[in-house]
Amino acid sequence: MILLCIRWYVTYKLSYHDLVEMMDERGISLAHTTILRWVQQYIPKFENQ
């Protein structure tokens, strides 16, 4: 789920609120700040690989 959100964010330039709505449609409830933290935490790790 984390990787999916990050992938959509990077690939399709979606807003955090858009991603929250998309996850909610799939039965996953989260806040936009959660996705923000994931992006801040994981994108630098992916860039280093």
N, C-alpha and C. Protein backbone atom coordinates (compact mmCIF):
# COMPACT_ATOMS: atom_id res chain seq x y z
N MET A 1 0.83 -1.18 0.00
CA MET A 1 0.00 0.00 0.00
C MET A 1 0.88 1.25 0.00
N ILE A 2 1.93 1.25 0.80
CA ILE A 2 2.83 2.40 0.85
C ILE A 2 3.47 2.63 -0.51
N LEU A 3 4.00 1.56 -1.08
CA LEU A 3 4.66 1.69 -2.39
C LEU A 3 3.68 2.11 -3.47
N LEU A 4 2.45 1.62 -3.39
CA LEU A 4 1.44 1.99 -4.37
C LEU A 4 1.16 3.49 -4.32
N CYS A 5 0.97 4.02 -3.13
CA CYS A 5 0.72 5.46 -2.99
C CYS A 5 1.89 6.29 -3.50
N ILE A 6 3.09 5.87 -3.15
CA ILE A 6 4.28 6.61 -3.60
C ILE A 6 4.40 6.54 -5.11
N ARG A 7 4.15 5.38 -5.66
CA ARG A 7 4.23 5.22 -7.13
C ARG A 7 3.22 6.13 -7.83
N TRP A 8 1.97 6.13 -7.35
CA TRP A 8 0.95 6.99 -7.96
C TRP A 8 1.32 8.46 -7.80
N TYR A 9 1.83 8.83 -6.64
CA TYR A 9 2.21 10.22 -6.38
C TYR A 9 3.29 10.67 -7.37
N VAL A 10 4.30 9.86 -7.55
CA VAL A 10 5.42 10.22 -8.42
C VAL A 10 5.04 10.13 -9.90
N THR A 11 4.37 9.07 -10.28
CA THR A 11 4.07 8.83 -11.69
C THR A 11 3.00 9.76 -12.23
N TYR A 12 1.93 9.96 -11.48
CA TYR A 12 0.77 10.69 -12.00
C TYR A 12 0.61 12.09 -11.42
N LYS A 13 1.56 12.51 -10.56
CA LYS A 13 1.53 13.86 -9.97
C LYS A 13 0.20 14.15 -9.27
N LEU A 14 -0.30 13.17 -8.53
CA LEU A 14 -1.54 13.33 -7.79
C LEU A 14 -1.28 14.07 -6.48
N SER A 15 -2.30 14.74 -5.99
CA SER A 15 -2.17 15.39 -4.69
C SER A 15 -2.37 14.35 -3.59
N TYR A 16 -1.96 14.70 -2.39
CA TYR A 16 -2.15 13.79 -1.26
C TYR A 16 -3.64 13.54 -1.02
N HIS A 17 -4.44 14.57 -1.21
CA HIS A 17 -5.89 14.41 -1.02
C HIS A 17 -6.49 13.48 -2.08
N ASP A 18 -6.00 13.56 -3.31
CA ASP A 18 -6.45 12.63 -4.35
C ASP A 18 -6.12 11.19 -3.96
N LEU A 19 -4.92 10.99 -3.45
CA LEU A 19 -4.51 9.64 -3.05
C LEU A 19 -5.34 9.12 -1.89
N VAL A 20 -5.69 10.00 -0.96
CA VAL A 20 -6.55 9.60 0.16
C VAL A 20 -7.90 9.12 -0.37
N GLU A 21 -8.46 9.84 -1.32
CA GLU A 21 -9.74 9.44 -1.91
C GLU A 21 -9.62 8.10 -2.63
N MET A 22 -8.53 7.90 -3.36
CA MET A 22 -8.34 6.65 -4.10
C MET A 22 -8.19 5.47 -3.14
N MET A 23 -7.47 5.67 -2.05
CA MET A 23 -7.31 4.60 -1.07
C MET A 23 -8.63 4.32 -0.36
N ASP A 24 -9.40 5.38 -0.09
CA ASP A 24 -10.70 5.22 0.56
C ASP A 24 -11.64 4.40 -0.31
N GLU A 25 -11.58 4.57 -1.62
CA GLU A 25 -12.40 3.78 -2.54
C GLU A 25 -12.03 2.30 -2.47
N ARG A 26 -10.82 2.02 -2.04
CA ARG A 26 -10.35 0.63 -1.91
C ARG A 26 -10.50 0.11 -0.48
N GLY A 27 -11.17 0.89 0.37
CA GLY A 27 -11.44 0.45 1.73
C GLY A 27 -10.31 0.72 2.71
N ILE A 28 -9.37 1.59 2.33
CA ILE A 28 -8.23 1.91 3.20
C ILE A 28 -8.36 3.37 3.61
N SER A 29 -8.49 3.59 4.90
CA SER A 29 -8.69 4.94 5.41
C SER A 29 -7.38 5.49 5.97
N LEU A 30 -6.92 6.61 5.41
CA LEU A 30 -5.75 7.28 5.94
C LEU A 30 -5.84 8.77 5.74
N ALA A 31 -4.98 9.48 6.45
CA ALA A 31 -4.93 10.94 6.35
C ALA A 31 -3.89 11.34 5.30
N HIS A 32 -4.08 12.51 4.72
CA HIS A 32 -3.12 12.97 3.72
C HIS A 32 -1.73 13.16 4.32
N THR A 33 -1.67 13.47 5.61
CA THR A 33 -0.37 13.64 6.26
C THR A 33 0.39 12.32 6.36
N THR A 34 -0.33 11.22 6.40
CA THR A 34 0.32 9.91 6.42
C THR A 34 1.07 9.69 5.11
N ILE A 35 0.41 10.00 4.00
CA ILE A 35 1.06 9.83 2.69
C ILE A 35 2.23 10.80 2.57
N LEU A 36 2.07 12.01 3.06
CA LEU A 36 3.17 12.98 3.06
C LEU A 36 4.39 12.41 3.78
N ARG A 37 4.19 11.83 4.95
CA ARG A 37 5.31 11.24 5.70
C ARG A 37 5.94 10.08 4.94
N TRP A 38 5.12 9.25 4.29
CA TRP A 38 5.66 8.14 3.50
C TRP A 38 6.54 8.67 2.38
N VAL A 39 6.06 9.68 1.68
CA VAL A 39 6.82 10.25 0.56
C VAL A 39 8.14 10.81 1.07
N GLN A 40 8.10 11.56 2.16
CA GLN A 40 9.32 12.15 2.72
C GLN A 40 10.30 11.08 3.19
N GLN A 41 9.77 9.98 3.69
CA GLN A 41 10.64 8.92 4.22
C GLN A 41 11.21 8.03 3.13
N TYR A 42 10.40 7.64 2.16
CA TYR A 42 10.81 6.60 1.22
C TYR A 42 11.41 7.10 -0.09
N ILE A 43 11.02 8.25 -0.59
CA ILE A 43 11.56 8.71 -1.87
C ILE A 43 13.08 8.87 -1.81
N PRO A 44 13.64 9.46 -0.77
CA PRO A 44 15.12 9.54 -0.72
C PRO A 44 15.78 8.16 -0.76
N LYS A 45 15.17 7.17 -0.16
CA LYS A 45 15.73 5.82 -0.17
C LYS A 45 15.71 5.25 -1.59
N PHE A 46 14.64 5.50 -2.34
CA PHE A 46 14.54 5.01 -3.71
C PHE A 46 15.53 5.74 -4.62
N GLU A 47 15.75 7.02 -4.37
CA GLU A 47 16.67 7.79 -5.19
C GLU A 47 18.11 7.32 -5.00
N ASN A 48 18.42 6.79 -3.84
CA ASN A 48 19.78 6.31 -3.55
C ASN A 48 20.07 4.95 -4.17
N GLN A 49 19.06 4.26 -4.62
CA GLN A 49 19.28 2.92 -5.18
C GLN A 49 19.61 2.97 -6.64
